Amino acid sequence: MRMSHIRYFVEVAHTKSMTAAAKNLHLSQPSLSYAVKAIEDEIGIPLLHRHSNTISLTDAGEKFLSEAERIIESADNLTITMKGYAGLKAGNLRLGMLWIAGYMNLFSLLNEFRGKVPKVTYELTIDGSDVLMHGLMNRKLHGVFVIRSQLAIEGNNELHSVKLSTGEYVLIVPEKSPLSGMAEVSVKDLSHETIIMPSEKTLLYHQLNVMFQEEGIAPRVLCSTSQSDVVGQLTAEGLGTAFASETIAKKICPENCRIVRFSESAKIRRTIYFVMLRELLEYPLTRAFCEFVARKYTKRTQKRVSHFPQDPNDPHRITALS
């Protein structure tokens, strides 16, 4: 049963005239009569009593009219709702954030975007990169901020990414540690240190394990955590040596600790991406957020998303959110 035929029937029922209804609908009378007859043939019962100068409804027609009006109202409301989603005036954005999101000003970034699309709601998952990528690939998250290798992200055709930053990991060393007086340290220099390892959910944890294994070192591990405040407290008490990106280390390093770099052969680099499934570029809200992130971080990634519609009348165009 066509939606257009249902609307035609309602107009006929309201005007009680095929002629008047056809005029209001800008249809020929035969076309309108055919549409109403098609409904009656499909449901197997007459809906109208056809008189010489007017039309009245059968009992079934009265019930059909009541239900048809409800269906039309629901369909119209649904259209309005969907236009809200298309125009970024409705929707829910599910994002994955790293534990260090606050230090990266990602919450401020999200708040800025929220100010431009205030009717959108948000759900955040804060966890390690592995967990966040799993949520993304299982369609539980729309986009994630993660630490990943270039090959893992840019080599996956399912993914669309924006590179946010690249940096190096350093050590946060208590003053009493022999390492605190060194300009640089190697992996072997850590063999007698008590280590605060990052969370097992992080890429850094696996990178460190590989490095220790290659050097034949079994590190003395105090605990595993990627909570920056905990790392700062533990190193402040001199309980262990910790790892952090240079940016984070500068923010959390206690006064009685030092930041020490790795030697060139031991450097561990960290790249942070915003990642989403390429299929979500077709969806207005996720596309808008991705382009917003790209505009905020790099001109290069802005070019990477330049295939987005640039029609000034396009309601999804992110420049409207600048």
C-alpha atoms as a PDB file:
ATOM      1  CA  MET A   1       0.000   0.000   0.000  1.00  0.00           C
ATOM      2  CA  ARG A   2       1.486   3.276  -1.117  1.00  0.00           C
ATOM      3  CA  MET A   3       1.802   6.162   1.294  1.00  0.00           C
ATOM      4  CA  SER A   4       0.602   8.508  -1.433  1.00  0.00           C
ATOM      5  CA  HIS A   5      -2.598   6.475  -1.847  1.00  0.00           C
ATOM      6  CA  ILE A   6      -3.266   6.695   1.888  1.00  0.00           C
ATOM      7  CA  ARG A   7      -2.919  10.478   1.734  1.00  0.00           C
ATOM      8  CA  TYR A   8      -5.253  10.585  -1.249  1.00  0.00           C
ATOM      9  CA  PHE A   9      -7.898   8.599   0.622  1.00  0.00           C
ATOM     10  CA  VAL A  10      -7.726  10.943   3.618  1.00  0.00           C
ATOM     11  CA  GLU A  11      -8.301  13.947   1.345  1.00  0.00           C
ATOM     12  CA  VAL A  12     -11.295  12.222  -0.236  1.00  0.00           C
ATOM     13  CA  ALA A  13     -12.717  11.389   3.204  1.00  0.00           C
ATOM     14  CA  HIS A  14     -12.307  14.985   4.361  1.00  0.00           C
ATOM     15  CA  THR A  15     -13.824  16.641   1.264  1.00  0.00           C
ATOM     16  CA  LYS A  16     -16.429  13.893   0.672  1.00  0.00           C
ATOM     17  CA  SER A  17     -15.940  14.560  -3.009  1.00  0.00           C
ATOM     18  CA  MET A  18     -13.712  12.983  -5.631  1.00  0.00           C
ATOM     19  CA  THR A  19     -13.826  16.158  -7.687  1.00  0.00           C
ATOM     20  CA  ALA A  20     -12.835  18.465  -4.831  1.00  0.00           C
ATOM     21  CA  ALA A  21     -10.178  16.065  -3.577  1.00  0.00           C
ATOM     22  CA  ALA A  22      -8.659  15.698  -7.049  1.00  0.00           C
ATOM     23  CA  LYS A  23      -8.522  19.491  -7.391  1.00  0.00           C
ATOM     24  CA  ASN A  24      -6.843  19.898  -3.991  1.00  0.00           C
ATOM     25  CA  LEU A  25      -4.330  17.160  -4.797  1.00  0.00           C
ATOM     26  CA  HIS A  26      -3.658  18.437  -8.343  1.00  0.00           C
ATOM     27  CA  LEU A  27      -4.604  15.042  -9.748  1.00  0.00           C
ATOM     28  CA  SER A  28      -6.983  13.946 -12.424  1.00  0.00           C
ATOM     29  CA  GLN A  29     -10.192  12.457 -11.053  1.00  0.00           C
ATOM     30  CA  PRO A  30      -9.597   9.078 -12.776  1.00  0.00           C
ATOM     31  CA  SER A  31      -6.144   8.846 -11.188  1.00  0.00           C
ATOM     32  CA  LEU A  32      -7.577   9.570  -7.752  1.00  0.00           C
ATOM     33  CA  SER A  33     -10.381   7.066  -8.210  1.00  0.00           C
ATOM     34  CA  TYR A  34      -7.845   4.452  -9.274  1.00  0.00           C
ATOM     35  CA  ALA A  35      -5.720   5.061  -6.139  1.00  0.00           C
ATOM     36  CA  VAL A  36      -8.688   4.674  -3.785  1.00  0.00           C
ATOM     37  CA  LYS A  37      -9.897   1.569  -5.643  1.00  0.00           C
ATOM     38  CA  ALA A  38      -6.369   0.107  -5.382  1.00  0.00           C
ATOM     39  CA  ILE A  39      -6.541   0.389  -1.575  1.00  0.00           C
ATOM     40  CA  GLU A  40      -9.975  -1.247  -1.482  1.00  0.00           C
ATOM     41  CA  ASP A  41      -8.817  -4.088  -3.738  1.00  0.00           C
ATOM     42  CA  GLU A  42      -5.742  -4.665  -1.577  1.00  0.00           C
ATOM     43  CA  ILE A  43      -7.611  -4.838   1.738  1.00  0.00           C
ATOM     44  CA  GLY A  44     -10.635  -6.626   0.236  1.00  0.00           C
ATOM     45  CA  ILE A  45     -13.413  -4.353   1.526  1.00  0.00           C
ATOM     46  CA  PRO A  46     -15.124  -1.142   0.351  1.00  0.00           C
ATOM     47  CA  LEU A  47     -14.134   2.024   2.197  1.00  0.00           C
ATOM     48  CA  LEU A  48     -16.523   4.432   0.474  1.00  0.00           C
ATOM     49  CA  HIS A  49     -20.195   4.673  -0.360  1.00  0.00           C
ATOM     50  CA  ARG A  50     -20.324   6.490  -3.672  1.00  0.00           C
ATOM     51  CA  HIS A  51     -23.467   8.617  -4.084  1.00  0.00           C
ATOM     52  CA  SER A  52     -24.465  10.799  -6.996  1.00  0.00           C
ATOM     53  CA  ASN A  53     -23.148  14.081  -5.578  1.00  0.00           C
ATOM     54  CA  THR A  54     -21.154  13.067  -2.544  1.00  0.00           C
ATOM     55  CA  ILE A  55     -19.210  10.305  -0.818  1.00  0.00           C
ATOM     56  CA  SER A  56     -19.575   8.775   2.629  1.00  0.00           C
ATOM     57  CA  LEU A  57     -17.463   6.294   4.536  1.00  0.00           C
ATOM     58  CA  THR A  58     -18.312   2.695   5.305  1.00  0.00           C
ATOM     59  CA  ASP A  59     -17.672   1.389   8.834  1.00  0.00           C
ATOM     60  CA  ALA A  60     -14.366   0.033   7.564  1.00  0.00           C
ATOM     61  CA  GLY A  61     -13.709   3.398   5.922  1.00  0.00           C
ATOM     62  CA  GLU A  62     -14.181   5.221   9.236  1.00  0.00           C
ATOM     63  CA  LYS A  63     -11.636   2.914  10.892  1.00  0.00           C
ATOM     64  CA  PHE A  64      -9.272   3.196   7.942  1.00  0.00           C
ATOM     65  CA  LEU A  65      -9.474   7.014   8.105  1.00  0.00           C
ATOM     66  CA  SER A  66      -8.628   7.027  11.820  1.00  0.00           C
ATOM     67  CA  GLU A  67      -5.620   4.770  11.322  1.00  0.00           C
ATOM     68  CA  ALA A  68      -4.552   6.551   8.136  1.00  0.00           C
ATOM     69  CA  GLU A  69      -4.476   9.923   9.907  1.00  0.00           C
ATOM     70  CA  ARG A  70      -2.371   8.419  12.666  1.00  0.00           C
ATOM     71  CA  ILE A  71       0.024   6.896  10.123  1.00  0.00           C
ATOM     72  CA  ILE A  72       0.350  10.180   8.225  1.00  0.00           C
ATOM     73  CA  GLU A  73       1.028  12.114  11.433  1.00  0.00           C
ATOM     74  CA  SER A  74       3.676   9.576  12.443  1.00  0.00           C
ATOM     75  CA  ALA A  75       5.248   9.688   8.983  1.00  0.00           C
ATOM     76  CA  ASP A  76       5.346  13.488   9.023  1.00  0.00           C
ATOM     77  CA  ASN A  77       6.873  13.508  12.516  1.00  0.00           C
ATOM     78  CA  LEU A  78       9.419  10.934  11.391  1.00  0.00           C
ATOM     79  CA  THR A  79      10.377  13.108   8.422  1.00  0.00           C
ATOM     80  CA  ILE A  80      10.871  16.109  10.710  1.00  0.00           C
ATOM     81  CA  THR A  81      12.970  14.012  13.093  1.00  0.00           C
ATOM     82  CA  MET A  82      15.164  12.647  10.319  1.00  0.00           C
ATOM     83  CA  LYS A  83      15.699  16.137   8.912  1.00  0.00           C
ATOM     84  CA  GLY A  84      16.944  17.058  12.376  1.00  0.00           C
ATOM     85  CA  TYR A  85      19.539  14.278  12.177  1.00  0.00           C
ATOM     86  CA  ALA A  86      20.518  15.319   8.668  1.00  0.00           C
ATOM     87  CA  GLY A  87      20.875  18.955   9.694  1.00  0.00           C
ATOM     88  CA  LEU A  88      22.927  18.214  12.861  1.00  0.00           C
ATOM     89  CA  LYS A  89      20.015  19.273  15.068  1.00  0.00           C
ATOM     90  CA  ALA A  90      19.651  15.799  16.566  1.00  0.00           C
ATOM     91  CA  GLY A  91      21.713  12.649  17.018  1.00  0.00           C
ATOM     92  CA  ASN A  92      24.023  10.866  19.413  1.00  0.00           C
ATOM     93  CA  LEU A  93      27.802  10.759  18.975  1.00  0.00           C
ATOM     94  CA  ARG A  94      29.655   7.866  20.653  1.00  0.00           C
ATOM     95  CA  LEU A  95      33.355   8.641  21.060  1.00  0.00           C
ATOM     96  CA  GLY A  96      36.315   6.788  22.541  1.00  0.00           C
ATOM     97  CA  MET A  97      38.880   8.812  24.491  1.00  0.00           C
ATOM     98  CA  LEU A  98      42.279   7.896  25.890  1.00  0.00           C
ATOM     99  CA  TRP A  99      43.022   8.311  29.595  1.00  0.00           C
ATOM    100  CA  ILE A 100      45.229  11.248  28.647  1.00  0.00           C
ATOM    101  CA  ALA A 101      42.397  13.020  26.824  1.00  0.00           C
ATOM    102  CA  GLY A 102      42.348  15.856  29.349  1.00  0.00           C
ATOM    103  CA  TYR A 103      46.060  16.538  28.873  1.00  0.00           C
ATOM    104  CA  MET A 104      45.511  16.633  25.124  1.00  0.00           C
ATOM    105  CA  ASN A 105      42.653  19.153  25.465  1.00  0.00           C
ATOM    106  CA  LEU A 106      40.282  16.699  23.796  1.00  0.00           C
ATOM    107  CA  PHE A 107      37.498  17.504  26.241  1.00  0.00           C
ATOM    108  CA  SER A 108      37.815  21.174  25.304  1.00  0.00           C
ATOM    109  CA  LEU A 109      37.709  20.168  21.649  1.00  0.00           C
ATOM    110  CA  LEU A 110      34.521  18.194  22.234  1.00  0.00           C
ATOM    111  CA  ASN A 111      32.989  21.051  24.199  1.00  0.00           C
ATOM    112  CA  GLU A 112      33.725  23.451  21.347  1.00  0.00           C
ATOM    113  CA  PHE A 113      32.037  21.147  18.863  1.00  0.00           C
ATOM    114  CA  ARG A 114      29.093  20.721  21.238  1.00  0.00           C
ATOM    115  CA  GLY A 115      28.680  24.497  21.311  1.00  0.00           C
ATOM    116  CA  LYS A 116      28.219  24.487  17.533  1.00  0.00           C
ATOM    117  CA  VAL A 117      25.730  21.583  17.490  1.00  0.00           C
ATOM    118  CA  PRO A 118      24.034  21.934  20.900  1.00  0.00           C
ATOM    119  CA  LYS A 119      21.156  19.551  20.250  1.00  0.00           C
ATOM    120  CA  VAL A 120      23.426  16.550  19.679  1.00  0.00           C
ATOM    121  CA  THR A 121      24.048  14.223  22.647  1.00  0.00           C
ATOM    122  CA  TYR A 122      27.296  12.411  23.461  1.00  0.00           C
ATOM    123  CA  GLU A 123      28.518   9.187  25.039  1.00  0.00           C
ATOM    124  CA  LEU A 124      32.177   8.795  25.987  1.00  0.00           C
ATOM    125  CA  THR A 125      34.196   5.638  26.556  1.00  0.00           C
ATOM    126  CA  ILE A 126      37.538   6.325  28.240  1.00  0.00           C
ATOM    127  CA  ASP A 127      40.010   3.454  27.959  1.00  0.00           C
ATOM    128  CA  GLY A 128      43.175   2.207  26.278  1.00  0.00           C
ATOM    129  CA  SER A 129      43.716   2.154  22.532  1.00  0.00           C
ATOM    130  CA  ASP A 130      43.108  -1.593  22.109  1.00  0.00           C
ATOM    131  CA  VAL A 131      39.729  -1.440  23.835  1.00  0.00           C
ATOM    132  CA  LEU A 132      38.715   1.658  21.903  1.00  0.00           C
ATOM    133  CA  MET A 133      39.688   0.175  18.533  1.00  0.00           C
ATOM    134  CA  HIS A 134      37.735  -2.976  19.375  1.00  0.00           C
ATOM    135  CA  GLY A 135      34.681  -0.852  20.116  1.00  0.00           C
ATOM    136  CA  LEU A 136      35.118   1.002  16.837  1.00  0.00           C
ATOM    137  CA  MET A 137      35.484  -2.117  14.712  1.00  0.00           C
ATOM    138  CA  ASN A 138      32.405  -3.627  16.391  1.00  0.00           C
ATOM    139  CA  ARG A 139      30.360  -0.511  15.566  1.00  0.00           C
ATOM    140  CA  LYS A 140      29.876   0.370  19.235  1.00  0.00           C
ATOM    141  CA  LEU A 141      31.793   3.633  18.843  1.00  0.00           C
ATOM    142  CA  HIS A 142      31.566   6.167  16.028  1.00  0.00           C
ATOM    143  CA  GLY A 143      35.089   7.501  16.400  1.00  0.00           C
ATOM    144  CA  VAL A 144      38.107   7.036  18.674  1.00  0.00           C
ATOM    145  CA  PHE A 145      41.223   8.942  19.688  1.00  0.00           C
ATOM    146  CA  VAL A 146      43.983   6.340  19.896  1.00  0.00           C
ATOM    147  CA  ILE A 147      47.722   5.782  19.912  1.00  0.00           C
ATOM    148  CA  ARG A 148      48.619   3.545  17.003  1.00  0.00           C
ATOM    149  CA  SER A 149      51.374   2.888  14.486  1.00  0.00           C
ATOM    150  CA  GLN A 150      51.073   4.470  11.070  1.00  0.00           C
ATOM    151  CA  LEU A 151      50.859   1.060   9.409  1.00  0.00           C
ATOM    152  CA  ALA A 152      48.035  -0.121  11.676  1.00  0.00           C
ATOM    153  CA  ILE A 153      45.914   2.929  10.916  1.00  0.00           C
ATOM    154  CA  GLU A 154      46.806   4.245   7.497  1.00  0.00           C
ATOM    155  CA  GLY A 155      47.304   0.749   6.085  1.00  0.00           C
ATOM    156  CA  ASN A 156      43.715  -0.292   6.871  1.00  0.00           C
ATOM    157  CA  ASN A 157      41.314   0.547   4.044  1.00  0.00           C
ATOM    158  CA  GLU A 158      38.310   0.320   6.357  1.00  0.00           C
ATOM    159  CA  LEU A 159      39.542   3.269   8.383  1.00  0.00           C
ATOM    160  CA  HIS A 160      39.606   7.000   7.882  1.00  0.00           C
ATOM    161  CA  SER A 161      42.081   8.824  10.117  1.00  0.00           C
ATOM    162  CA  VAL A 162      43.275  12.258  11.150  1.00  0.00           C
ATOM    163  CA  LYS A 163      46.812  12.391  12.527  1.00  0.00           C
ATOM    164  CA  LEU A 164      46.753  14.667  15.567  1.00  0.00           C
ATOM    165  CA  SER A 165      50.317  14.615  16.859  1.00  0.00           C
ATOM    166  CA  THR A 166      53.584  12.731  16.905  1.00  0.00           C
ATOM    167  CA  GLY A 167      55.972  12.744  19.850  1.00  0.00           C
ATOM    168  CA  GLU A 168      58.390  10.693  21.917  1.00  0.00           C
ATOM    169  CA  TYR A 169      58.176   8.859  25.200  1.00  0.00           C
ATOM    170  CA  VAL A 170      60.490   9.853  28.018  1.00  0.00           C
ATOM    171  CA  LEU A 171      61.218   8.679  31.549  1.00  0.00           C
ATOM    172  CA  ILE A 172      60.059  10.310  34.772  1.00  0.00           C
ATOM    173  CA  VAL A 173      62.874   9.461  37.186  1.00  0.00           C
ATOM    174  CA  PRO A 174      63.016  10.068  40.976  1.00  0.00           C
ATOM    175  CA  GLU A 175      65.985  12.230  42.019  1.00  0.00           C
ATOM    176  CA  LYS A 176      67.483   9.407  44.086  1.00  0.00           C
ATOM    177  CA  SER A 177      67.702   7.141  41.012  1.00  0.00           C
ATOM    178  CA  PRO A 178      71.123   6.860  39.334  1.00  0.00           C
ATOM    179  CA  LEU A 179      69.350   7.655  36.075  1.00  0.00           C
ATOM    180  CA  SER A 180      68.444  11.169  37.201  1.00  0.00           C
ATOM    181  CA  GLY A 181      71.977  12.409  36.493  1.00  0.00           C
ATOM    182  CA  MET A 182      72.093  10.975  32.967  1.00  0.00           C
ATOM    183  CA  ALA A 183      71.437  12.990  29.826  1.00  0.00           C
ATOM    184  CA  GLU A 184      70.075   9.943  27.995  1.00  0.00           C
ATOM    185  CA  VAL A 185      69.323   6.334  28.909  1.00  0.00           C
ATOM    186  CA  SER A 186      69.282   3.070  27.003  1.00  0.00           C
ATOM    187  CA  VAL A 187      67.065   0.066  27.630  1.00  0.00           C
ATOM    188  CA  LYS A 188      69.912  -1.683  29.443  1.00  0.00           C
ATOM    189  CA  ASP A 189      70.113   1.230  31.879  1.00  0.00           C
ATOM    190  CA  LEU A 190      66.682   0.189  33.149  1.00  0.00           C
ATOM    191  CA  SER A 191      67.744  -3.321  34.165  1.00  0.00           C
ATOM    192  CA  HIS A 192      68.178  -2.385  37.849  1.00  0.00           C
ATOM    193  CA  GLU A 193      65.286   0.073  38.070  1.00  0.00           C
ATOM    194  CA  THR A 194      61.882  -0.474  39.614  1.00  0.00           C
ATOM    195  CA  ILE A 195      59.534   0.177  36.728  1.00  0.00           C
ATOM    196  CA  ILE A 196      56.012   1.594  36.656  1.00  0.00           C
ATOM    197  CA  MET A 197      54.733  -0.008  33.480  1.00  0.00           C
ATOM    198  CA  PRO A 198      51.900   1.491  31.431  1.00  0.00           C
ATOM    199  CA  SER A 199      48.568  -0.325  31.300  1.00  0.00           C
ATOM    200  CA  GLU A 200      48.538  -3.624  29.445  1.00  0.00           C
ATOM    201  CA  LYS A 201      45.833  -2.107  27.191  1.00  0.00           C
ATOM    202  CA  THR A 202      48.303   0.356  25.679  1.00  0.00           C
ATOM    203  CA  LEU A 203      50.572   0.067  22.665  1.00  0.00           C
ATOM    204  CA  LEU A 204      53.464   1.347  24.789  1.00  0.00           C
ATOM    205  CA  TYR A 205      53.200  -1.645  27.134  1.00  0.00           C
ATOM    206  CA  HIS A 206      53.745  -4.037  24.227  1.00  0.00           C
ATOM    207  CA  GLN A 207      56.536  -1.917  22.751  1.00  0.00           C
ATOM    208  CA  LEU A 208      58.399  -1.903  26.065  1.00  0.00           C
ATOM    209  CA  ASN A 209      58.012  -5.638  26.501  1.00  0.00           C
ATOM    210  CA  VAL A 210      59.538  -6.229  23.074  1.00  0.00           C
ATOM    211  CA  MET A 211      62.466  -3.945  23.894  1.00  0.00           C
ATOM    212  CA  PHE A 212      63.094  -5.638  27.250  1.00  0.00           C
ATOM    213  CA  GLN A 213      62.946  -9.075  25.644  1.00  0.00           C
ATOM    214  CA  GLU A 214      65.388  -8.065  22.901  1.00  0.00           C
ATOM    215  CA  GLU A 215      67.863  -6.914  25.546  1.00  0.00           C
ATOM    216  CA  GLY A 216      67.252  -9.995  27.721  1.00  0.00           C
ATOM    217  CA  ILE A 217      65.967  -7.873  30.594  1.00  0.00           C
ATOM    218  CA  ALA A 218      63.332  -8.999  33.090  1.00  0.00           C
ATOM    219  CA  PRO A 219      62.293  -5.636  34.573  1.00  0.00           C
ATOM    220  CA  ARG A 220      61.316  -5.284  38.212  1.00  0.00           C
ATOM    221  CA  VAL A 221      57.747  -4.020  37.856  1.00  0.00           C
ATOM    222  CA  LEU A 222      56.026  -2.136  40.642  1.00  0.00           C
ATOM    223  CA  CYS A 223      52.641  -1.969  38.905  1.00  0.00           C
ATOM    224  CA  SER A 224      50.948  -1.278  35.578  1.00  0.00           C
ATOM    225  CA  THR A 225      48.925   1.916  35.212  1.00  0.00           C
ATOM    226  CA  SER A 226      48.336   4.652  32.697  1.00  0.00           C
ATOM    227  CA  GLN A 227      46.546   6.984  35.093  1.00  0.00           C
ATOM    228  CA  SER A 228      48.680  10.088  35.003  1.00  0.00           C
ATOM    229  CA  ASP A 229      47.843  11.244  38.533  1.00  0.00           C
ATOM    230  CA  VAL A 230      48.824   7.852  39.947  1.00  0.00           C
ATOM    231  CA  VAL A 231      52.067   7.882  37.955  1.00  0.00           C
ATOM    232  CA  GLY A 232      52.890  11.319  39.326  1.00  0.00           C
ATOM    233  CA  GLN A 233      52.216  10.262  42.920  1.00  0.00           C
ATOM    234  CA  LEU A 234      54.259   7.068  42.675  1.00  0.00           C
ATOM    235  CA  THR A 235      57.288   8.777  41.154  1.00  0.00           C
ATOM    236  CA  ALA A 236      57.018  11.636  43.662  1.00  0.00           C
ATOM    237  CA  GLU A 237      57.375   9.084  46.450  1.00  0.00           C
ATOM    238  CA  GLY A 238      60.416   7.592  44.735  1.00  0.00           C
ATOM    239  CA  LEU A 239      58.716   4.246  44.296  1.00  0.00           C
ATOM    240  CA  GLY A 240      59.622   3.735  40.670  1.00  0.00           C
ATOM    241  CA  THR A 241      60.554   5.098  37.252  1.00  0.00           C
ATOM    242  CA  ALA A 242      57.674   5.735  34.859  1.00  0.00           C
ATOM    243  CA  PHE A 243      57.095   6.286  31.150  1.00  0.00           C
ATOM    244  CA  ALA A 244      55.101   9.109  29.616  1.00  0.00           C
ATOM    245  CA  SER A 245      54.953  11.106  26.444  1.00  0.00           C
ATOM    246  CA  GLU A 246      57.102  14.215  26.607  1.00  0.00           C
ATOM    247  CA  THR A 247      54.010  16.429  26.576  1.00  0.00           C
ATOM    248  CA  ILE A 248      52.351  14.616  29.476  1.00  0.00           C
ATOM    249  CA  ALA A 249      55.612  14.247  31.405  1.00  0.00           C
ATOM    250  CA  LYS A 250      56.089  18.019  31.455  1.00  0.00           C
ATOM    251  CA  LYS A 251      52.653  18.385  33.027  1.00  0.00           C
ATOM    252  CA  ILE A 252      52.820  15.650  35.669  1.00  0.00           C
ATOM    253  CA  CYS A 253      56.520  15.372  36.565  1.00  0.00           C
ATOM    254  CA  PRO A 254      56.855  16.024  40.336  1.00  0.00           C
ATOM    255  CA  GLU A 255      59.338  18.636  41.572  1.00  0.00           C
ATOM    256  CA  ASN A 256      61.571  15.954  43.061  1.00  0.00           C
ATOM    257  CA  CYS A 257      61.803  14.031  39.782  1.00  0.00           C
ATOM    258  CA  ARG A 258      63.512  14.574  36.441  1.00  0.00           C
ATOM    259  CA  ILE A 259      62.548  13.980  32.849  1.00  0.00           C
ATOM    260  CA  VAL A 260      65.179  11.913  31.072  1.00  0.00           C
ATOM    261  CA  ARG A 261      65.209  11.133  27.363  1.00  0.00           C
ATOM    262  CA  PHE A 262      65.965   7.817  25.723  1.00  0.00           C
ATOM    263  CA  SER A 263      69.053   7.459  23.589  1.00  0.00           C
ATOM    264  CA  GLU A 264      68.499   7.507  19.837  1.00  0.00           C
ATOM    265  CA  SER A 265      68.597   3.702  19.566  1.00  0.00           C
ATOM    266  CA  ALA A 266      65.941   3.313  22.272  1.00  0.00           C
ATOM    267  CA  LYS A 267      63.522   6.067  21.270  1.00  0.00           C
ATOM    268  CA  ILE A 268      59.849   5.144  21.287  1.00  0.00           C
ATOM    269  CA  ARG A 269      57.653   7.410  19.213  1.00  0.00           C
ATOM    270  CA  ARG A 270      53.973   7.996  19.817  1.00  0.00           C
ATOM    271  CA  THR A 271      51.419   8.967  17.186  1.00  0.00           C
ATOM    272  CA  ILE A 272      47.879   9.921  18.134  1.00  0.00           C
ATOM    273  CA  TYR A 273      45.065   9.600  15.619  1.00  0.00           C
ATOM    274  CA  PHE A 274      41.383  10.283  15.460  1.00  0.00           C
ATOM    275  CA  VAL A 275      39.971   7.231  13.702  1.00  0.00           C
ATOM    276  CA  MET A 276      36.566   6.324  12.352  1.00  0.00           C
ATOM    277  CA  LEU A 277      35.223   3.734   9.945  1.00  0.00           C
ATOM    278  CA  ARG A 278      35.292   5.026   6.392  1.00  0.00           C
ATOM    279  CA  GLU A 279      31.647   4.049   5.964  1.00  0.00           C
ATOM    280  CA  LEU A 280      30.686   6.711   8.524  1.00  0.00           C
ATOM    281  CA  LEU A 281      31.861   9.466   6.204  1.00  0.00           C
ATOM    282  CA  GLU A 282      28.415   9.045   4.629  1.00  0.00           C
ATOM    283  CA  TYR A 283      26.691  10.014   7.899  1.00  0.00           C
ATOM    284  CA  PRO A 284      26.276  13.773   8.568  1.00  0.00           C
ATOM    285  CA  LEU A 285      27.139  13.902  12.281  1.00  0.00           C
ATOM    286  CA  THR A 286      30.233  11.686  12.219  1.00  0.00           C
ATOM    287  CA  ARG A 287      31.441  13.297   9.016  1.00  0.00           C
ATOM    288  CA  ALA A 288      31.006  16.747  10.560  1.00  0.00           C
ATOM    289  CA  PHE A 289      32.919  15.826  13.708  1.00  0.00           C
ATOM    290  CA  CYS A 290      35.756  14.249  11.735  1.00  0.00           C
ATOM    291  CA  GLU A 291      36.129  17.313   9.525  1.00  0.00           C
ATOM    292  CA  PHE A 292      35.973  19.552  12.622  1.00  0.00           C
ATOM    293  CA  VAL A 293      38.857  17.622  14.211  1.00  0.00           C
ATOM    294  CA  ALA A 294      40.865  17.784  10.977  1.00  0.00           C
ATOM    295  CA  ARG A 295      40.373  21.542  10.666  1.00  0.00           C
ATOM    296  CA  LYS A 296      41.479  22.045  14.253  1.00  0.00           C
ATOM    297  CA  TYR A 297      44.659  19.997  14.022  1.00  0.00           C
ATOM    298  CA  THR A 298      46.359  20.129  10.655  1.00  0.00           C
ATOM    299  CA  LYS A 299      46.058  21.630   7.186  1.00  0.00           C
ATOM    300  CA  ARG A 300      47.319  18.378   5.743  1.00  0.00           C
ATOM    301  CA  THR A 301      44.454  16.349   7.156  1.00  0.00           C
ATOM    302  CA  GLN A 302      42.046  19.025   6.033  1.00  0.00           C
ATOM    303  CA  LYS A 303      43.140  18.252   2.472  1.00  0.00           C
ATOM    304  CA  ARG A 304      42.580  14.557   3.157  1.00  0.00           C
ATOM    305  CA  VAL A 305      38.888  15.232   3.819  1.00  0.00           C
ATOM    306  CA  SER A 306      38.522  17.752   1.013  1.00  0.00           C
ATOM    307  CA  HIS A 307      36.207  15.407  -0.862  1.00  0.00           C
ATOM    308  CA  PHE A 308      33.455  16.328   1.604  1.00  0.00           C
ATOM    309  CA  PRO A 309      30.689  18.417   0.012  1.00  0.00           C
ATOM    310  CA  GLN A 310      31.651  22.070  -0.212  1.00  0.00           C
ATOM    311  CA  ASP A 311      28.309  23.393  -1.458  1.00  0.00           C
ATOM    312  CA  PRO A 312      27.628  26.485   0.699  1.00  0.00           C
ATOM    313  CA  ASN A 313      23.982  25.355   0.946  1.00  0.00           C
ATOM    314  CA  ASP A 314      24.917  21.897   2.195  1.00  0.00           C
ATOM    315  CA  PRO A 315      23.643  21.699   5.830  1.00  0.00           C
ATOM    316  CA  HIS A 316      26.367  19.156   6.645  1.00  0.00           C
ATOM    317  CA  ARG A 317      29.209  21.428   5.546  1.00  0.00           C
ATOM    318  CA  ILE A 318      31.515  21.745   8.534  1.00  0.00           C
ATOM    319  CA  THR A 319      32.641  25.250   7.637  1.00  0.00           C
ATOM    320  CA  ALA A 320      29.281  26.304   8.967  1.00  0.00           C
ATOM    321  CA  LEU A 321      30.526  25.094  12.347  1.00  0.00           C
ATOM    322  CA  SER A 322      33.783  27.022  12.266  1.00  0.00           C
END
